[in-house]
Amino acid sequence: RKQFSDKAVMAEEVERLANERNVPIAKVDRGVLNTLCDNRPHQGYVLRCGGLTFEPMARIPHPSTDASSPRLWLVLDEVVDPQNFGALLRSAYFLGGGGGSNDNDDDESVTSASPSIGIMVCAKNSAPPSPVVSAASAGALELCQVYSTSNLPRTLNAAKADGFRILGAAASAPTDDGTQQTWELSDLNWEQDKTDDGKMRPTILVLGSEGHGLRTLVAKACTDFVAIPGGGGGVDSLNVSVTGGIMLWHLVNGMMAN
């Protein structure tokens, strides 16, 4: 009986929100909803709306010149799987302080004080915004501002020249630069990356594609690389969305603590 009561309350809330925003409501049978969403789960509601697009950005603004720019960015180098992309958006939105209040008052690891996280993808060869991405992101796709660049190596090199620390996720340095160091995630040096005002240098975390990792020119644009230790037994790496979630959590907490 409680289940039916909850569904009724949910239906009333959906209708109230739609009426507040002057969104027309049409009540149809389940078969119509199944057709509209290609037989994917729909919870009894489908919203027909326009497509989402990513906002082009050639240069990531530095927080010292643009106070609205995040001090932490997640940049995806040709991540094409919509499930992975959606999961990464969900992690970035939640860990960036947009996930709402924390139910556990004793756990202050993620709060509304968490630094916001900027998100950038490649304009080509990346998962486009889609219903699958939206579902995997638990709705974060509609709440995040996602930027795109047509030339990621150039954008990262410009950010490096502006003073960003650019961390590429890789088990070992994929280039022979000689100036780049590979850190285990727990060993990241926070002290050497503070600015004159005592704040952490703004940081960009770059994650490579599921199959090939970071492209060569993207790797060369990184200042350092970071890896999650582990592996063995035939499994030598983590899924890109899992890697991103772990690294973002560590960077957010490190930046807050330092």
C-alpha atoms as a PDB file:
ATOM      1  CA  ARG A   1       0.000   0.000   0.000  1.00  0.00           C
ATOM      2  CA  LYS A   2       2.880   2.382   0.802  1.00  0.00           C
ATOM      3  CA  GLN A   3       4.356   1.728  -2.659  1.00  0.00           C
ATOM      4  CA  PHE A   4       1.143   2.843  -4.368  1.00  0.00           C
ATOM      5  CA  SER A   5       1.014   5.898  -2.087  1.00  0.00           C
ATOM      6  CA  ASP A   6       4.591   6.859  -3.011  1.00  0.00           C
ATOM      7  CA  LYS A   7       3.809   6.545  -6.722  1.00  0.00           C
ATOM      8  CA  ALA A   8       0.764   8.751  -6.318  1.00  0.00           C
ATOM      9  CA  VAL A   9       2.794  11.406  -4.515  1.00  0.00           C
ATOM     10  CA  MET A  10       5.449  11.220  -7.241  1.00  0.00           C
ATOM     11  CA  ALA A  11       2.834  11.623  -9.965  1.00  0.00           C
ATOM     12  CA  GLU A  12       1.412  14.685  -8.225  1.00  0.00           C
ATOM     13  CA  GLU A  13       4.883  16.206  -7.878  1.00  0.00           C
ATOM     14  CA  VAL A  14       5.714  15.609 -11.555  1.00  0.00           C
ATOM     15  CA  GLU A  15       2.454  17.235 -12.630  1.00  0.00           C
ATOM     16  CA  ARG A  16       3.002  20.172 -10.274  1.00  0.00           C
ATOM     17  CA  LEU A  17       6.488  20.834 -11.641  1.00  0.00           C
ATOM     18  CA  ALA A  18       5.241  20.540 -15.231  1.00  0.00           C
ATOM     19  CA  ASN A  19       2.399  22.974 -14.587  1.00  0.00           C
ATOM     20  CA  GLU A  20       4.766  25.466 -12.925  1.00  0.00           C
ATOM     21  CA  ARG A  21       6.877  25.488 -16.091  1.00  0.00           C
ATOM     22  CA  ASN A  22       3.920  25.439 -18.503  1.00  0.00           C
ATOM     23  CA  VAL A  23       4.940  22.047 -19.877  1.00  0.00           C
ATOM     24  CA  PRO A  24       1.953  20.321 -21.565  1.00  0.00           C
ATOM     25  CA  ILE A  25       0.975  16.970 -20.033  1.00  0.00           C
ATOM     26  CA  ALA A  26      -0.397  14.056 -22.061  1.00  0.00           C
ATOM     27  CA  LYS A  27      -1.574  10.867 -20.359  1.00  0.00           C
ATOM     28  CA  VAL A  28      -1.047   7.836 -22.591  1.00  0.00           C
ATOM     29  CA  ASP A  29      -0.802   4.089 -22.192  1.00  0.00           C
ATOM     30  CA  ARG A  30       2.483   2.345 -21.390  1.00  0.00           C
ATOM     31  CA  GLY A  31       2.923   1.133 -24.973  1.00  0.00           C
ATOM     32  CA  VAL A  32       3.275   4.710 -26.204  1.00  0.00           C
ATOM     33  CA  LEU A  33       5.898   5.425 -23.535  1.00  0.00           C
ATOM     34  CA  ASN A  34       7.786   2.258 -24.494  1.00  0.00           C
ATOM     35  CA  THR A  35       7.870   3.423 -28.107  1.00  0.00           C
ATOM     36  CA  LEU A  36       9.010   6.937 -27.224  1.00  0.00           C
ATOM     37  CA  CYS A  37      11.998   5.673 -25.224  1.00  0.00           C
ATOM     38  CA  ASP A  38      12.867   2.669 -27.434  1.00  0.00           C
ATOM     39  CA  ASN A  39      11.772   0.227 -24.715  1.00  0.00           C
ATOM     40  CA  ARG A  40      14.295   1.560 -22.182  1.00  0.00           C
ATOM     41  CA  PRO A  41      13.135   1.921 -18.537  1.00  0.00           C
ATOM     42  CA  HIS A  42      11.041   5.078 -18.136  1.00  0.00           C
ATOM     43  CA  GLN A  43       9.445   4.895 -14.653  1.00  0.00           C
ATOM     44  CA  GLY A  44       6.100   5.812 -16.219  1.00  0.00           C
ATOM     45  CA  TYR A  45       7.210   9.272 -17.397  1.00  0.00           C
ATOM     46  CA  VAL A  46       8.811  10.542 -20.584  1.00  0.00           C
ATOM     47  CA  LEU A  47       9.817  14.144 -21.246  1.00  0.00           C
ATOM     48  CA  ARG A  48       9.982  15.200 -24.901  1.00  0.00           C
ATOM     49  CA  CYS A  49      12.566  17.959 -25.291  1.00  0.00           C
ATOM     50  CA  GLY A  50      15.216  19.358 -27.598  1.00  0.00           C
ATOM     51  CA  GLY A  51      18.700  17.915 -27.905  1.00  0.00           C
ATOM     52  CA  LEU A  52      21.615  19.022 -25.741  1.00  0.00           C
ATOM     53  CA  THR A  53      24.832  20.424 -27.153  1.00  0.00           C
ATOM     54  CA  PHE A  54      28.277  21.084 -25.706  1.00  0.00           C
ATOM     55  CA  GLU A  55      29.557  24.658 -25.542  1.00  0.00           C
ATOM     56  CA  PRO A  56      32.767  25.188 -27.548  1.00  0.00           C
ATOM     57  CA  MET A  57      35.773  26.453 -25.578  1.00  0.00           C
ATOM     58  CA  ALA A  58      39.234  26.849 -27.089  1.00  0.00           C
ATOM     59  CA  ARG A  59      41.021  27.962 -23.901  1.00  0.00           C
ATOM     60  CA  ILE A  60      40.274  27.030 -20.294  1.00  0.00           C
ATOM     61  CA  PRO A  61      40.078  30.263 -18.261  1.00  0.00           C
ATOM     62  CA  HIS A  62      42.482  30.529 -15.327  1.00  0.00           C
ATOM     63  CA  PRO A  63      40.835  31.210 -11.941  1.00  0.00           C
ATOM     64  CA  SER A  64      43.196  34.142 -11.356  1.00  0.00           C
ATOM     65  CA  THR A  65      41.694  35.995 -14.318  1.00  0.00           C
ATOM     66  CA  ASP A  66      38.183  34.525 -14.177  1.00  0.00           C
ATOM     67  CA  ALA A  67      36.903  33.918 -10.659  1.00  0.00           C
ATOM     68  CA  SER A  68      34.021  31.806 -11.974  1.00  0.00           C
ATOM     69  CA  SER A  69      36.376  29.244 -13.512  1.00  0.00           C
ATOM     70  CA  PRO A  70      36.780  26.038 -11.469  1.00  0.00           C
ATOM     71  CA  ARG A  71      40.162  25.193  -9.967  1.00  0.00           C
ATOM     72  CA  LEU A  72      39.649  21.551 -10.934  1.00  0.00           C
ATOM     73  CA  TRP A  73      38.758  20.285 -14.417  1.00  0.00           C
ATOM     74  CA  LEU A  74      37.956  16.837 -15.768  1.00  0.00           C
ATOM     75  CA  VAL A  75      39.031  16.513 -19.402  1.00  0.00           C
ATOM     76  CA  LEU A  76      38.146  13.441 -21.453  1.00  0.00           C
ATOM     77  CA  ASP A  77      40.321  12.454 -24.405  1.00  0.00           C
ATOM     78  CA  GLU A  78      37.987  10.647 -26.813  1.00  0.00           C
ATOM     79  CA  VAL A  79      35.914   8.699 -24.264  1.00  0.00           C
ATOM     80  CA  VAL A  80      33.301   7.181 -26.572  1.00  0.00           C
ATOM     81  CA  ASP A  81      31.298   4.795 -24.374  1.00  0.00           C
ATOM     82  CA  PRO A  82      28.061   6.535 -23.275  1.00  0.00           C
ATOM     83  CA  GLN A  83      27.848   4.530 -20.038  1.00  0.00           C
ATOM     84  CA  ASN A  84      31.363   5.586 -19.031  1.00  0.00           C
ATOM     85  CA  PHE A  85      30.726   9.181 -20.028  1.00  0.00           C
ATOM     86  CA  GLY A  86      27.506   9.289 -18.035  1.00  0.00           C
ATOM     87  CA  ALA A  87      29.140   7.747 -14.971  1.00  0.00           C
ATOM     88  CA  LEU A  88      31.965  10.308 -15.132  1.00  0.00           C
ATOM     89  CA  LEU A  89      29.475  13.172 -15.350  1.00  0.00           C
ATOM     90  CA  ARG A  90      27.678  11.794 -12.315  1.00  0.00           C
ATOM     91  CA  SER A  91      30.924  11.605 -10.305  1.00  0.00           C
ATOM     92  CA  ALA A  92      32.038  15.098 -11.356  1.00  0.00           C
ATOM     93  CA  TYR A  93      28.671  16.629 -10.480  1.00  0.00           C
ATOM     94  CA  PHE A  94      28.414  14.878  -7.126  1.00  0.00           C
ATOM     95  CA  LEU A  95      32.014  15.425  -6.036  1.00  0.00           C
ATOM     96  CA  GLY A  96      31.920  19.009  -7.269  1.00  0.00           C
ATOM     97  CA  GLY A  97      29.359  19.867  -4.625  1.00  0.00           C
ATOM     98  CA  GLY A  98      26.306  19.584  -6.849  1.00  0.00           C
ATOM     99  CA  GLY A  99      25.071  16.306  -5.437  1.00  0.00           C
ATOM    100  CA  GLY A 100      23.025  17.827  -2.669  1.00  0.00           C
ATOM    101  CA  SER A 101      23.488  17.673   1.084  1.00  0.00           C
ATOM    102  CA  ASN A 102      25.304  14.837   2.766  1.00  0.00           C
ATOM    103  CA  ASP A 103      23.015  12.628   4.824  1.00  0.00           C
ATOM    104  CA  ASN A 104      25.860  11.657   7.136  1.00  0.00           C
ATOM    105  CA  ASP A 105      26.806  14.693   9.227  1.00  0.00           C
ATOM    106  CA  ASP A 106      29.936  12.923  10.453  1.00  0.00           C
ATOM    107  CA  ASP A 107      31.294  12.501   6.930  1.00  0.00           C
ATOM    108  CA  GLU A 108      32.569  15.810   5.605  1.00  0.00           C
ATOM    109  CA  SER A 109      34.482  14.350   2.663  1.00  0.00           C
ATOM    110  CA  VAL A 110      31.976  15.816   0.186  1.00  0.00           C
ATOM    111  CA  THR A 111      29.999  18.928   1.071  1.00  0.00           C
ATOM    112  CA  SER A 112      28.580  21.997  -0.570  1.00  0.00           C
ATOM    113  CA  ALA A 113      32.012  23.566   0.077  1.00  0.00           C
ATOM    114  CA  SER A 114      33.651  21.164  -2.388  1.00  0.00           C
ATOM    115  CA  PRO A 115      35.317  22.925  -5.328  1.00  0.00           C
ATOM    116  CA  SER A 116      33.277  22.846  -8.511  1.00  0.00           C
ATOM    117  CA  ILE A 117      34.611  20.657 -11.312  1.00  0.00           C
ATOM    118  CA  GLY A 118      34.749  21.865 -14.895  1.00  0.00           C
ATOM    119  CA  ILE A 119      34.180  19.307 -17.647  1.00  0.00           C
ATOM    120  CA  MET A 120      35.602  19.281 -21.163  1.00  0.00           C
ATOM    121  CA  VAL A 121      35.469  16.714 -23.975  1.00  0.00           C
ATOM    122  CA  CYS A 122      36.784  16.450 -27.521  1.00  0.00           C
ATOM    123  CA  ALA A 123      34.443  17.887 -30.136  1.00  0.00           C
ATOM    124  CA  LYS A 124      34.978  14.754 -32.265  1.00  0.00           C
ATOM    125  CA  ASN A 125      35.328  11.081 -31.350  1.00  0.00           C
ATOM    126  CA  SER A 126      33.552  11.502 -28.027  1.00  0.00           C
ATOM    127  CA  ALA A 127      30.237  10.169 -26.773  1.00  0.00           C
ATOM    128  CA  PRO A 128      27.548  12.728 -27.702  1.00  0.00           C
ATOM    129  CA  PRO A 129      24.808  13.756 -25.259  1.00  0.00           C
ATOM    130  CA  SER A 130      22.091  11.112 -25.472  1.00  0.00           C
ATOM    131  CA  PRO A 131      19.376   9.407 -23.397  1.00  0.00           C
ATOM    132  CA  VAL A 132      21.854   6.623 -22.546  1.00  0.00           C
ATOM    133  CA  VAL A 133      24.375   9.155 -21.217  1.00  0.00           C
ATOM    134  CA  SER A 134      21.639  10.938 -19.291  1.00  0.00           C
ATOM    135  CA  ALA A 135      20.457   7.722 -17.656  1.00  0.00           C
ATOM    136  CA  ALA A 136      24.006   6.642 -16.774  1.00  0.00           C
ATOM    137  CA  SER A 137      24.646  10.074 -15.262  1.00  0.00           C
ATOM    138  CA  ALA A 138      21.467   9.910 -13.120  1.00  0.00           C
ATOM    139  CA  GLY A 139      20.405  13.211 -14.686  1.00  0.00           C
ATOM    140  CA  ALA A 140      23.734  15.010 -14.172  1.00  0.00           C
ATOM    141  CA  LEU A 141      24.002  15.517 -17.949  1.00  0.00           C
ATOM    142  CA  GLU A 142      21.135  18.011 -17.739  1.00  0.00           C
ATOM    143  CA  LEU A 143      22.715  19.803 -14.777  1.00  0.00           C
ATOM    144  CA  CYS A 144      26.377  19.993 -15.853  1.00  0.00           C
ATOM    145  CA  GLN A 145      27.852  22.526 -18.234  1.00  0.00           C
ATOM    146  CA  VAL A 146      30.027  20.459 -20.567  1.00  0.00           C
ATOM    147  CA  TYR A 147      32.512  22.216 -22.840  1.00  0.00           C
ATOM    148  CA  SER A 148      34.145  20.876 -26.002  1.00  0.00           C
ATOM    149  CA  THR A 149      37.367  21.648 -27.834  1.00  0.00           C
ATOM    150  CA  SER A 150      38.261  20.889 -31.429  1.00  0.00           C
ATOM    151  CA  ASN A 151      41.985  20.651 -30.601  1.00  0.00           C
ATOM    152  CA  LEU A 152      42.617  19.150 -27.167  1.00  0.00           C
ATOM    153  CA  PRO A 153      46.459  19.164 -27.295  1.00  0.00           C
ATOM    154  CA  ARG A 154      46.434  22.872 -28.142  1.00  0.00           C
ATOM    155  CA  THR A 155      43.942  23.626 -25.361  1.00  0.00           C
ATOM    156  CA  LEU A 156      46.018  21.708 -22.808  1.00  0.00           C
ATOM    157  CA  ASN A 157      49.282  23.360 -23.894  1.00  0.00           C
ATOM    158  CA  ALA A 158      47.648  26.765 -23.496  1.00  0.00           C
ATOM    159  CA  ALA A 159      46.439  25.771 -20.019  1.00  0.00           C
ATOM    160  CA  LYS A 160      49.944  24.595 -19.103  1.00  0.00           C
ATOM    161  CA  ALA A 161      51.378  27.935 -20.233  1.00  0.00           C
ATOM    162  CA  ASP A 162      48.768  29.674 -18.061  1.00  0.00           C
ATOM    163  CA  GLY A 163      49.933  27.786 -14.970  1.00  0.00           C
ATOM    164  CA  PHE A 164      47.601  24.791 -14.726  1.00  0.00           C
ATOM    165  CA  ARG A 165      48.908  21.495 -13.385  1.00  0.00           C
ATOM    166  CA  ILE A 166      47.837  18.872 -15.923  1.00  0.00           C
ATOM    167  CA  LEU A 167      47.671  15.315 -14.619  1.00  0.00           C
ATOM    168  CA  GLY A 168      47.262  12.541 -17.165  1.00  0.00           C
ATOM    169  CA  ALA A 169      45.832   9.263 -15.895  1.00  0.00           C
ATOM    170  CA  ALA A 170      48.338   6.594 -16.920  1.00  0.00           C
ATOM    171  CA  ALA A 171      50.020   3.613 -15.257  1.00  0.00           C
ATOM    172  CA  SER A 172      53.379   4.882 -16.551  1.00  0.00           C
ATOM    173  CA  ALA A 173      54.592   7.913 -18.462  1.00  0.00           C
ATOM    174  CA  PRO A 174      53.527   7.302 -22.107  1.00  0.00           C
ATOM    175  CA  THR A 175      56.084   9.812 -23.442  1.00  0.00           C
ATOM    176  CA  ASP A 176      59.871  10.193 -23.219  1.00  0.00           C
ATOM    177  CA  ASP A 177      59.680  13.854 -22.242  1.00  0.00           C
ATOM    178  CA  GLY A 178      62.026  13.481 -19.265  1.00  0.00           C
ATOM    179  CA  THR A 179      60.399  16.332 -17.340  1.00  0.00           C
ATOM    180  CA  GLN A 180      57.194  14.450 -16.531  1.00  0.00           C
ATOM    181  CA  GLN A 181      56.865  12.299 -13.449  1.00  0.00           C
ATOM    182  CA  THR A 182      54.422   9.481 -12.741  1.00  0.00           C
ATOM    183  CA  TRP A 183      52.909   9.606  -9.255  1.00  0.00           C
ATOM    184  CA  GLU A 184      50.916   7.031  -7.396  1.00  0.00           C
ATOM    185  CA  LEU A 185      47.663   8.736  -6.483  1.00  0.00           C
ATOM    186  CA  SER A 186      48.321   8.655  -2.731  1.00  0.00           C
ATOM    187  CA  ASP A 187      51.826  10.144  -3.224  1.00  0.00           C
ATOM    188  CA  LEU A 188      50.856  13.292  -5.116  1.00  0.00           C
ATOM    189  CA  ASN A 189      52.976  16.211  -3.910  1.00  0.00           C
ATOM    190  CA  TRP A 190      50.641  18.992  -2.811  1.00  0.00           C
ATOM    191  CA  GLU A 191      53.211  21.359  -1.338  1.00  0.00           C
ATOM    192  CA  GLN A 192      55.175  21.929  -4.543  1.00  0.00           C
ATOM    193  CA  ASP A 193      52.014  22.857  -6.388  1.00  0.00           C
ATOM    194  CA  LYS A 194      50.848  25.728  -4.218  1.00  0.00           C
ATOM    195  CA  THR A 195      50.674  29.228  -5.650  1.00  0.00           C
ATOM    196  CA  ASP A 196      52.100  32.331  -3.977  1.00  0.00           C
ATOM    197  CA  ASP A 197      48.824  32.908  -2.126  1.00  0.00           C
ATOM    198  CA  GLY A 198      49.005  29.421  -0.574  1.00  0.00           C
ATOM    199  CA  LYS A 199      46.281  27.913  -2.742  1.00  0.00           C
ATOM    200  CA  MET A 200      46.636  24.765  -4.795  1.00  0.00           C
ATOM    201  CA  ARG A 201      47.559  25.299  -8.427  1.00  0.00           C
ATOM    202  CA  PRO A 202      44.463  24.863 -10.596  1.00  0.00           C
ATOM    203  CA  THR A 203      44.506  21.296 -11.843  1.00  0.00           C
ATOM    204  CA  ILE A 204      43.278  19.455 -14.928  1.00  0.00           C
ATOM    205  CA  LEU A 205      42.760  15.678 -14.768  1.00  0.00           C
ATOM    206  CA  VAL A 206      42.911  14.081 -18.226  1.00  0.00           C
ATOM    207  CA  LEU A 207      41.451  10.623 -18.841  1.00  0.00           C
ATOM    208  CA  GLY A 208      42.158   8.737 -22.059  1.00  0.00           C
ATOM    209  CA  SER A 209      39.919   6.560 -24.187  1.00  0.00           C
ATOM    210  CA  GLU A 210      38.806   3.121 -23.085  1.00  0.00           C
ATOM    211  CA  GLY A 211      40.976   1.223 -25.544  1.00  0.00           C
ATOM    212  CA  HIS A 212      44.080   3.318 -26.194  1.00  0.00           C
ATOM    213  CA  GLY A 213      44.462   5.670 -23.258  1.00  0.00           C
ATOM    214  CA  LEU A 214      45.926   9.122 -23.808  1.00  0.00           C
ATOM    215  CA  ARG A 215      46.886  10.087 -27.336  1.00  0.00           C
ATOM    216  CA  THR A 216      50.559  10.976 -27.818  1.00  0.00           C
ATOM    217  CA  LEU A 217      50.094  14.737 -28.277  1.00  0.00           C
ATOM    218  CA  VAL A 218      47.701  14.850 -25.323  1.00  0.00           C
ATOM    219  CA  ALA A 219      50.211  12.988 -23.145  1.00  0.00           C
ATOM    220  CA  LYS A 220      52.975  15.407 -24.167  1.00  0.00           C
ATOM    221  CA  ALA A 221      50.808  18.320 -22.997  1.00  0.00           C
ATOM    222  CA  CYS A 222      50.582  16.873 -19.457  1.00  0.00           C
ATOM    223  CA  THR A 223      52.866  18.151 -16.695  1.00  0.00           C
ATOM    224  CA  ASP A 224      52.755  14.842 -14.786  1.00  0.00           C
ATOM    225  CA  PHE A 225      50.998  11.494 -14.758  1.00  0.00           C
ATOM    226  CA  VAL A 226      49.074   9.817 -11.976  1.00  0.00           C
ATOM    227  CA  ALA A 227      48.234   6.155 -11.457  1.00  0.00           C
ATOM    228  CA  ILE A 228      46.166   4.041  -9.074  1.00  0.00           C
ATOM    229  CA  PRO A 229      48.349   1.186  -7.782  1.00  0.00           C
ATOM    230  CA  GLY A 230      46.948  -2.327  -7.968  1.00  0.00           C
ATOM    231  CA  GLY A 231      46.350  -4.960 -10.568  1.00  0.00           C
ATOM    232  CA  GLY A 232      47.321  -8.572 -10.823  1.00  0.00           C
ATOM    233  CA  GLY A 233      45.624 -11.839 -11.584  1.00  0.00           C
ATOM    234  CA  GLY A 234      45.090 -10.918 -15.222  1.00  0.00           C
ATOM    235  CA  VAL A 235      43.359  -7.572 -14.510  1.00  0.00           C
ATOM    236  CA  ASP A 236      45.856  -4.727 -14.860  1.00  0.00           C
ATOM    237  CA  SER A 237      43.604  -1.668 -15.038  1.00  0.00           C
ATOM    238  CA  LEU A 238      40.323  -0.124 -13.938  1.00  0.00           C
ATOM    239  CA  ASN A 239      37.390   1.009 -16.038  1.00  0.00           C
ATOM    240  CA  VAL A 240      37.835   4.667 -17.051  1.00  0.00           C
ATOM    241  CA  SER A 241      34.753   5.793 -15.138  1.00  0.00           C
ATOM    242  CA  VAL A 242      35.925   4.017 -11.967  1.00  0.00           C
ATOM    243  CA  THR A 243      39.393   5.537 -12.375  1.00  0.00           C
ATOM    244  CA  GLY A 244      37.872   8.981 -12.833  1.00  0.00           C
ATOM    245  CA  GLY A 245      35.672   8.695  -9.753  1.00  0.00           C
ATOM    246  CA  ILE A 246      38.550   7.611  -7.505  1.00  0.00           C
ATOM    247  CA  MET A 247      40.951  10.270  -8.810  1.00  0.00           C
ATOM    248  CA  LEU A 248      38.397  13.084  -8.623  1.00  0.00           C
ATOM    249  CA  TRP A 249      37.550  12.175  -5.025  1.00  0.00           C
ATOM    250  CA  HIS A 250      41.241  12.233  -4.108  1.00  0.00           C
ATOM    251  CA  LEU A 251      41.897  15.539  -5.871  1.00  0.00           C
ATOM    252  CA  VAL A 252      38.832  17.239  -4.390  1.00  0.00           C
ATOM    253  CA  ASN A 253      39.763  16.202  -0.864  1.00  0.00           C
ATOM    254  CA  GLY A 254      43.430  17.055  -1.398  1.00  0.00           C
ATOM    255  CA  MET A 255      42.588  20.533  -2.650  1.00  0.00           C
ATOM    256  CA  MET A 256      40.215  21.137   0.262  1.00  0.00           C
ATOM    257  CA  ALA A 257      42.780  19.962   2.820  1.00  0.00           C
ATOM    258  CA  ASN A 258      45.627  21.980   1.320  1.00  0.00           C
END
